[in-house]
Amino acid sequence: MKRMMMLAALLAALVTFSANAQKVKADQVPAAVTTAFAKAYPNASNMKWEKEKNGDFEVEFDQGKVELSVVYNPQGVEQEVETEIATSQLPASVQAALKSKKVKEAAIIKKGGKTYYEAEVGGKDLIFDASGKAVKLD
């Protein structure tokens, strides 16, 4: 019985994950995307590509010692850039909004000409604007 429950939970997790994004090989990514990425990040390493459910492509990679994630539409136009930062680099307003919550990871997100801050707390990604107000990104 325990085994069946664990198997069901694993299957549910896999279905949820695959509904959000699908891992793809670099040769399955449109040339416009790979060209734009190579031009913008010539020193990138350890690239991992995913195709989002909306058709965009996300690449996670290292740039030196910094971890980044960039989303491109199929035409190669950059939609979002997420850069990992130390939790101490979150603005004071965001740190205040988080109060005494334990933050596992933090990032700066640039999207639509705006800057947001992400904090992973309890396995969930919380997004804030610079004033510390919680927001939801599409």
C-alpha atoms as a PDB file:
ATOM      1  CA  MET A   1       0.000   0.000   0.000  1.00  0.00           C
ATOM      2  CA  LYS A   2       2.799   2.436   0.893  1.00  0.00           C
ATOM      3  CA  ARG A   3       4.526   1.598  -2.361  1.00  0.00           C
ATOM      4  CA  MET A   4       1.369   2.376  -4.366  1.00  0.00           C
ATOM      5  CA  MET A   5       0.970   5.718  -2.584  1.00  0.00           C
ATOM      6  CA  MET A   6       4.599   6.648  -3.229  1.00  0.00           C
ATOM      7  CA  LEU A   7       4.270   5.655  -6.885  1.00  0.00           C
ATOM      8  CA  ALA A   8       1.096   7.732  -7.227  1.00  0.00           C
ATOM      9  CA  ALA A   9       2.811  10.750  -5.631  1.00  0.00           C
ATOM     10  CA  LEU A  10       5.804  10.389  -7.946  1.00  0.00           C
ATOM     11  CA  LEU A  11       3.562  10.125 -10.992  1.00  0.00           C
ATOM     12  CA  ALA A  12       1.627  13.234  -9.921  1.00  0.00           C
ATOM     13  CA  ALA A  13       4.876  15.155  -9.476  1.00  0.00           C
ATOM     14  CA  LEU A  14       6.096  14.113 -12.916  1.00  0.00           C
ATOM     15  CA  VAL A  15       2.822  15.125 -14.562  1.00  0.00           C
ATOM     16  CA  THR A  16       2.919  18.510 -12.815  1.00  0.00           C
ATOM     17  CA  PHE A  17       6.536  19.116 -13.838  1.00  0.00           C
ATOM     18  CA  SER A  18       6.007  18.080 -17.449  1.00  0.00           C
ATOM     19  CA  ALA A  19       2.970  20.356 -17.709  1.00  0.00           C
ATOM     20  CA  ASN A  20       5.135  23.399 -16.962  1.00  0.00           C
ATOM     21  CA  ALA A  21       8.247  22.787 -19.058  1.00  0.00           C
ATOM     22  CA  GLN A  22       9.891  20.093 -21.112  1.00  0.00           C
ATOM     23  CA  LYS A  23      13.632  19.517 -21.259  1.00  0.00           C
ATOM     24  CA  VAL A  24      14.979  19.789 -24.794  1.00  0.00           C
ATOM     25  CA  LYS A  25      18.362  19.385 -26.429  1.00  0.00           C
ATOM     26  CA  ALA A  26      20.097  22.434 -27.869  1.00  0.00           C
ATOM     27  CA  ASP A  27      19.522  21.166 -31.410  1.00  0.00           C
ATOM     28  CA  GLN A  28      15.748  21.319 -30.755  1.00  0.00           C
ATOM     29  CA  VAL A  29      15.905  25.039 -29.956  1.00  0.00           C
ATOM     30  CA  PRO A  30      15.207  27.464 -32.857  1.00  0.00           C
ATOM     31  CA  ALA A  31      18.320  28.970 -34.441  1.00  0.00           C
ATOM     32  CA  ALA A  32      17.059  32.491 -33.675  1.00  0.00           C
ATOM     33  CA  VAL A  33      17.077  31.610 -29.969  1.00  0.00           C
ATOM     34  CA  THR A  34      20.497  29.949 -29.880  1.00  0.00           C
ATOM     35  CA  THR A  35      22.020  32.773 -31.949  1.00  0.00           C
ATOM     36  CA  ALA A  36      20.607  35.473 -29.651  1.00  0.00           C
ATOM     37  CA  PHE A  37      21.780  33.542 -26.586  1.00  0.00           C
ATOM     38  CA  ALA A  38      25.313  32.988 -27.922  1.00  0.00           C
ATOM     39  CA  LYS A  39      25.613  36.685 -28.793  1.00  0.00           C
ATOM     40  CA  ALA A  40      24.361  37.879 -25.388  1.00  0.00           C
ATOM     41  CA  TYR A  41      26.230  35.308 -23.271  1.00  0.00           C
ATOM     42  CA  PRO A  42      29.394  34.214 -25.106  1.00  0.00           C
ATOM     43  CA  ASN A  43      31.025  32.858 -21.924  1.00  0.00           C
ATOM     44  CA  ALA A  44      28.084  30.706 -20.812  1.00  0.00           C
ATOM     45  CA  SER A  45      28.675  27.133 -19.683  1.00  0.00           C
ATOM     46  CA  ASN A  46      26.585  24.174 -18.484  1.00  0.00           C
ATOM     47  CA  MET A  47      23.528  25.127 -20.541  1.00  0.00           C
ATOM     48  CA  LYS A  48      20.256  23.287 -19.886  1.00  0.00           C
ATOM     49  CA  TRP A  49      17.337  24.059 -22.199  1.00  0.00           C
ATOM     50  CA  GLU A  50      13.604  23.742 -21.571  1.00  0.00           C
ATOM     51  CA  LYS A  51      10.580  24.486 -23.699  1.00  0.00           C
ATOM     52  CA  GLU A  52       7.894  26.305 -21.721  1.00  0.00           C
ATOM     53  CA  LYS A  53       4.223  25.409 -22.122  1.00  0.00           C
ATOM     54  CA  ASN A  54       3.635  28.767 -23.880  1.00  0.00           C
ATOM     55  CA  GLY A  55       6.268  27.931 -26.538  1.00  0.00           C
ATOM     56  CA  ASP A  56       9.098  30.054 -25.100  1.00  0.00           C
ATOM     57  CA  PHE A  57      12.527  28.572 -24.416  1.00  0.00           C
ATOM     58  CA  GLU A  58      14.388  28.842 -21.123  1.00  0.00           C
ATOM     59  CA  VAL A  59      18.090  28.233 -20.713  1.00  0.00           C
ATOM     60  CA  GLU A  60      19.744  27.775 -17.337  1.00  0.00           C
ATOM     61  CA  PHE A  61      23.504  28.280 -17.338  1.00  0.00           C
ATOM     62  CA  ASP A  62      26.584  29.490 -15.519  1.00  0.00           C
ATOM     63  CA  GLN A  63      28.389  32.719 -16.365  1.00  0.00           C
ATOM     64  CA  GLY A  64      31.583  32.452 -14.383  1.00  0.00           C
ATOM     65  CA  LYS A  65      30.480  31.781 -10.815  1.00  0.00           C
ATOM     66  CA  VAL A  66      26.979  33.220 -11.344  1.00  0.00           C
ATOM     67  CA  GLU A  67      23.921  31.088 -12.146  1.00  0.00           C
ATOM     68  CA  LEU A  68      21.446  32.591 -14.598  1.00  0.00           C
ATOM     69  CA  SER A  69      18.250  31.665 -16.368  1.00  0.00           C
ATOM     70  CA  VAL A  70      17.022  33.433 -19.506  1.00  0.00           C
ATOM     71  CA  VAL A  71      13.704  33.042 -21.322  1.00  0.00           C
ATOM     72  CA  TYR A  72      13.429  33.707 -25.071  1.00  0.00           C
ATOM     73  CA  ASN A  73      10.421  33.654 -27.338  1.00  0.00           C
ATOM     74  CA  PRO A  74      10.777  31.432 -30.447  1.00  0.00           C
ATOM     75  CA  GLN A  75      11.944  34.466 -32.479  1.00  0.00           C
ATOM     76  CA  GLY A  76      14.955  34.928 -30.169  1.00  0.00           C
ATOM     77  CA  VAL A  77      13.687  37.967 -28.248  1.00  0.00           C
ATOM     78  CA  GLU A  78      14.737  37.934 -24.594  1.00  0.00           C
ATOM     79  CA  GLN A  79      11.682  37.900 -22.321  1.00  0.00           C
ATOM     80  CA  GLU A  80      13.150  37.484 -18.828  1.00  0.00           C
ATOM     81  CA  VAL A  81      16.518  37.238 -17.079  1.00  0.00           C
ATOM     82  CA  GLU A  82      16.914  35.704 -13.629  1.00  0.00           C
ATOM     83  CA  THR A  83      20.240  36.073 -11.825  1.00  0.00           C
ATOM     84  CA  GLU A  84      20.964  34.227  -8.602  1.00  0.00           C
ATOM     85  CA  ILE A  85      22.138  36.451  -5.737  1.00  0.00           C
ATOM     86  CA  ALA A  86      23.049  35.973  -2.092  1.00  0.00           C
ATOM     87  CA  THR A  87      20.038  36.387   0.187  1.00  0.00           C
ATOM     88  CA  SER A  88      21.877  39.279   1.859  1.00  0.00           C
ATOM     89  CA  GLN A  89      21.672  41.136  -1.477  1.00  0.00           C
ATOM     90  CA  LEU A  90      17.876  41.300  -1.369  1.00  0.00           C
ATOM     91  CA  PRO A  91      16.728  44.895  -0.816  1.00  0.00           C
ATOM     92  CA  ALA A  92      15.950  45.843   2.794  1.00  0.00           C
ATOM     93  CA  SER A  93      12.273  46.247   1.843  1.00  0.00           C
ATOM     94  CA  VAL A  94      12.116  42.646   0.608  1.00  0.00           C
ATOM     95  CA  GLN A  95      14.006  41.357   3.625  1.00  0.00           C
ATOM     96  CA  ALA A  96      11.537  43.183   5.866  1.00  0.00           C
ATOM     97  CA  ALA A  97       8.599  41.625   3.987  1.00  0.00           C
ATOM     98  CA  LEU A  98      10.128  38.199   4.544  1.00  0.00           C
ATOM     99  CA  LYS A  99      10.564  38.963   8.274  1.00  0.00           C
ATOM    100  CA  SER A 100      12.201  35.971   9.921  1.00  0.00           C
ATOM    101  CA  LYS A 101      11.442  33.427   7.183  1.00  0.00           C
ATOM    102  CA  LYS A 102      14.320  31.200   6.131  1.00  0.00           C
ATOM    103  CA  VAL A 103      15.268  31.978   2.516  1.00  0.00           C
ATOM    104  CA  LYS A 104      16.931  29.091   0.709  1.00  0.00           C
ATOM    105  CA  GLU A 105      17.834  30.955  -2.521  1.00  0.00           C
ATOM    106  CA  ALA A 106      17.370  34.453  -3.916  1.00  0.00           C
ATOM    107  CA  ALA A 107      17.417  36.028  -7.359  1.00  0.00           C
ATOM    108  CA  ILE A 108      16.908  39.252  -9.284  1.00  0.00           C
ATOM    109  CA  ILE A 109      14.415  38.984 -12.136  1.00  0.00           C
ATOM    110  CA  LYS A 110      14.357  41.483 -15.015  1.00  0.00           C
ATOM    111  CA  LYS A 111      11.139  41.259 -17.004  1.00  0.00           C
ATOM    112  CA  GLY A 112       9.235  43.755 -19.104  1.00  0.00           C
ATOM    113  CA  GLY A 113      11.621  46.567 -18.221  1.00  0.00           C
ATOM    114  CA  LYS A 114      11.014  46.052 -14.492  1.00  0.00           C
ATOM    115  CA  THR A 115      13.072  44.505 -11.708  1.00  0.00           C
ATOM    116  CA  TYR A 116      11.676  41.954  -9.275  1.00  0.00           C
ATOM    117  CA  TYR A 117      13.176  39.888  -6.477  1.00  0.00           C
ATOM    118  CA  GLU A 118      12.614  36.205  -5.879  1.00  0.00           C
ATOM    119  CA  ALA A 119      13.030  34.388  -2.569  1.00  0.00           C
ATOM    120  CA  GLU A 120      12.620  30.642  -2.215  1.00  0.00           C
ATOM    121  CA  VAL A 121      10.896  29.980   1.114  1.00  0.00           C
ATOM    122  CA  GLY A 122       9.601  26.572   2.127  1.00  0.00           C
ATOM    123  CA  GLY A 123       9.944  25.227  -1.405  1.00  0.00           C
ATOM    124  CA  LYS A 124       7.900  28.093  -2.917  1.00  0.00           C
ATOM    125  CA  ASP A 125       9.155  31.027  -4.960  1.00  0.00           C
ATOM    126  CA  LEU A 126       7.922  34.342  -3.571  1.00  0.00           C
ATOM    127  CA  ILE A 127       8.204  37.368  -5.887  1.00  0.00           C
ATOM    128  CA  PHE A 128       8.468  40.987  -4.723  1.00  0.00           C
ATOM    129  CA  ASP A 129       8.846  44.389  -6.311  1.00  0.00           C
ATOM    130  CA  ALA A 130      11.525  46.779  -5.044  1.00  0.00           C
ATOM    131  CA  SER A 131       9.174  48.198  -2.392  1.00  0.00           C
ATOM    132  CA  GLY A 132       8.753  44.750  -0.828  1.00  0.00           C
ATOM    133  CA  LYS A 133       5.216  44.226  -2.136  1.00  0.00           C
ATOM    134  CA  ALA A 134       4.424  40.621  -3.118  1.00  0.00           C
ATOM    135  CA  VAL A 135       3.587  40.315  -6.828  1.00  0.00           C
ATOM    136  CA  LYS A 136       2.751  37.554  -9.261  1.00  0.00           C
ATOM    137  CA  LEU A 137       4.558  37.281 -12.595  1.00  0.00           C
ATOM    138  CA  ASP A 138       2.922  35.756 -15.656  1.00  0.00           C
END
